[in-house]
């Protein structure tokens, strides 16, 4: 389930509503509402925001390139791994998120991920991310605590 492209003509942001099937060890799978989000002010990152949990919303922010590469081959190290559709889950992209306490498999329809990525590519074509970074803002944020 996806929502149409919601970014401005310049493509400043993209939001797709999706359903995520969550798999956690020793628990029954659950379907939760979620959003895939992208904003050109943070052009290298995407956010997967899971809603409907007892603790509120949970956000994972990771590289857009990780998600993009993960639709065709397994990628990732550490806290986020992306696995493309294959014989065990033919129609979904699996994102595995890990913390020190637990890990979970998150299945999202491959068609929803592809549509989301196509919209992010129109907003900020891959390879042009550096043109969208506000270096003055970044420097100000980095130096704010040093005064």
Protein backbone atom coordinates (compact mmCIF):
# COMPACT_ATOMS: atom_id res chain seq x y z
CA UNK A 1 0.00 0.00 0.00
CA UNK A 2 1.61 3.29 -1.03
CA UNK A 3 0.55 6.86 -1.00
CA UNK A 4 1.16 9.03 -4.05
CA UNK A 5 4.25 11.20 -4.18
CA UNK A 6 3.81 14.05 -1.73
CA UNK A 7 6.89 16.17 -2.41
CA UNK A 8 6.89 19.66 -3.79
CA UNK A 9 7.70 20.29 -7.44
CA UNK A 10 11.35 20.80 -6.48
CA UNK A 11 11.17 17.46 -4.68
CA UNK A 12 12.03 18.64 -1.19
CA UNK A 13 10.36 15.69 0.53
CA UNK A 14 8.82 12.32 -0.20
CA UNK A 15 6.52 10.36 2.09
CA UNK A 16 4.99 6.97 1.35
CA UNK A 17 2.62 5.26 3.73
CA UNK A 18 3.26 1.51 3.81
CA UNK A 19 2.37 -1.55 5.82
CA UNK A 20 5.29 -3.34 7.42
CA UNK A 21 5.13 -6.96 8.50
CA UNK A 22 7.31 -7.24 11.59
CA UNK A 23 9.03 -10.47 12.61
CA UNK A 24 10.63 -10.68 16.06
CA UNK A 25 11.95 -13.88 17.64
CA UNK A 26 9.51 -15.65 19.97
CA UNK A 27 6.59 -13.42 18.93
CA UNK A 28 3.82 -13.68 16.37
CA UNK A 29 4.34 -11.58 13.23
CA UNK A 30 2.51 -8.26 13.28
CA UNK A 31 1.46 -5.82 10.57
CA UNK A 32 2.03 -2.19 11.45
CA UNK A 33 1.44 1.10 9.67
CA UNK A 34 4.65 2.82 8.68
CA UNK A 35 6.11 5.56 6.54
CA UNK A 36 9.12 5.75 4.30
CA UNK A 37 10.34 9.36 4.35
CA UNK A 38 12.97 11.33 2.48
CA UNK A 39 13.90 14.99 2.70
CA UNK A 40 16.37 16.81 0.49
CA UNK A 41 17.75 18.67 3.52
CA UNK A 42 19.29 15.31 4.55
CA UNK A 43 19.88 14.02 1.02
CA UNK A 44 21.85 10.88 1.87
CA UNK A 45 19.30 9.45 4.33
CA UNK A 46 15.89 7.83 4.38
CA UNK A 47 13.72 7.22 7.42
CA UNK A 48 11.55 4.20 8.12
CA UNK A 49 9.04 5.25 10.76
CA UNK A 50 7.03 2.49 12.42
CA UNK A 51 3.81 3.56 14.10
CA UNK A 52 1.23 1.74 16.14
CA UNK A 53 3.60 0.43 18.79
CA UNK A 54 2.84 0.57 22.51
CA UNK A 55 5.75 2.97 22.95
CA UNK A 56 4.77 5.28 20.09
CA UNK A 57 6.69 5.75 16.87
CA UNK A 58 10.05 4.14 16.20
CA UNK A 59 12.33 5.68 13.55
CA UNK A 60 15.28 4.11 11.78
CA UNK A 61 17.38 6.47 9.70
CA UNK A 62 19.83 4.93 7.26
CA UNK A 63 21.48 5.57 3.90
CA UNK A 64 19.25 5.93 0.86
CA UNK A 65 21.93 4.07 -1.10
CA UNK A 66 21.59 1.11 1.30
CA UNK A 67 17.88 0.83 0.54
CA UNK A 68 18.45 1.39 -3.18
CA UNK A 69 21.15 -1.30 -3.43
CA UNK A 70 19.15 -3.63 -1.20
CA UNK A 71 16.34 -4.02 -3.70
CA UNK A 72 18.70 -6.02 -5.94
CA UNK A 73 21.28 -7.58 -3.61
CA UNK A 74 21.79 -8.13 0.13
CA UNK A 75 23.62 -5.15 1.68
CA UNK A 76 24.42 -3.67 5.04
CA UNK A 77 26.49 -4.16 8.13
CA UNK A 78 25.74 -3.39 11.72
CA UNK A 79 22.31 -2.10 12.70
CA UNK A 80 20.54 -2.17 9.31
CA UNK A 81 20.61 -4.86 6.62
CA UNK A 82 18.49 -4.89 3.46
CA UNK A 83 17.63 -8.11 1.63
CA UNK A 84 15.93 -8.10 -1.80
CA UNK A 85 12.96 -10.26 -2.71
CA UNK A 86 13.86 -13.94 -3.08
CA UNK A 87 12.15 -17.32 -2.96
CA UNK A 88 11.30 -17.09 0.75
CA UNK A 89 9.72 -13.65 0.44
CA UNK A 90 9.13 -13.04 -3.26
CA UNK A 91 7.19 -9.79 -3.13
CA UNK A 92 8.88 -7.91 -0.32
CA UNK A 93 12.10 -6.25 0.62
CA UNK A 94 13.28 -7.31 4.08
CA UNK A 95 14.95 -4.76 6.29
CA UNK A 96 16.61 -6.22 9.34
CA UNK A 97 17.13 -3.76 12.18
CA UNK A 98 19.26 -4.63 15.16
CA UNK A 99 20.07 -3.14 18.50
CA UNK A 100 21.99 -4.47 21.48
CA UNK A 101 18.70 -5.77 22.91
CA UNK A 102 16.98 -7.37 19.90
CA UNK A 103 16.61 -7.65 16.15
CA UNK A 104 13.56 -7.59 13.92
CA UNK A 105 12.77 -8.37 10.31
CA UNK A 106 10.61 -5.78 8.57
CA UNK A 107 9.00 -6.81 5.28
CA UNK A 108 7.78 -4.05 2.95
CA UNK A 109 6.17 -4.63 -0.44
CA UNK A 110 8.90 -4.44 -3.08
CA UNK A 111 6.64 -2.36 -5.30
CA UNK A 112 6.21 0.22 -2.51
CA UNK A 113 9.97 0.45 -1.96
CA UNK A 114 10.59 0.82 -5.72
CA UNK A 115 7.97 3.58 -6.03
CA UNK A 116 9.40 5.41 -3.01
CA UNK A 117 12.95 5.23 -4.38
CA UNK A 118 11.81 6.44 -7.82
CA UNK A 119 10.30 9.52 -6.17
CA UNK A 120 13.45 10.18 -4.10
CA UNK A 121 15.53 9.92 -7.28
CA UNK A 122 13.34 12.56 -8.92
CA UNK A 123 13.64 14.78 -5.83
CA UNK A 124 17.44 14.44 -5.64
CA UNK A 125 19.08 12.40 -8.39
CA UNK A 126 21.70 9.97 -7.05
CA UNK A 127 25.13 11.55 -7.24
CA UNK A 128 23.82 15.10 -6.69
CA UNK A 129 23.21 14.84 -2.93
CA UNK A 130 26.15 17.12 -2.11
CA UNK A 131 24.46 19.98 -3.96
CA UNK A 132 21.59 19.85 -1.45
CA UNK A 133 23.57 20.12 1.78
CA UNK A 134 23.42 23.44 3.64
CA UNK A 135 27.03 23.57 4.88
CA UNK A 136 26.42 26.71 6.95
CA UNK A 137 23.67 24.91 8.88
CA UNK A 138 25.83 21.80 9.35
CA UNK A 139 28.78 23.83 10.66
CA UNK A 140 26.48 25.79 12.97
CA UNK A 141 25.03 22.55 14.38
CA UNK A 142 28.50 21.04 14.87
CA UNK A 143 29.90 24.10 16.62
CA UNK A 144 26.80 24.96 18.70
CA UNK A 145 27.98 22.97 21.72
CA UNK A 146 31.58 24.20 21.62
CA UNK A 147 30.95 27.80 22.68
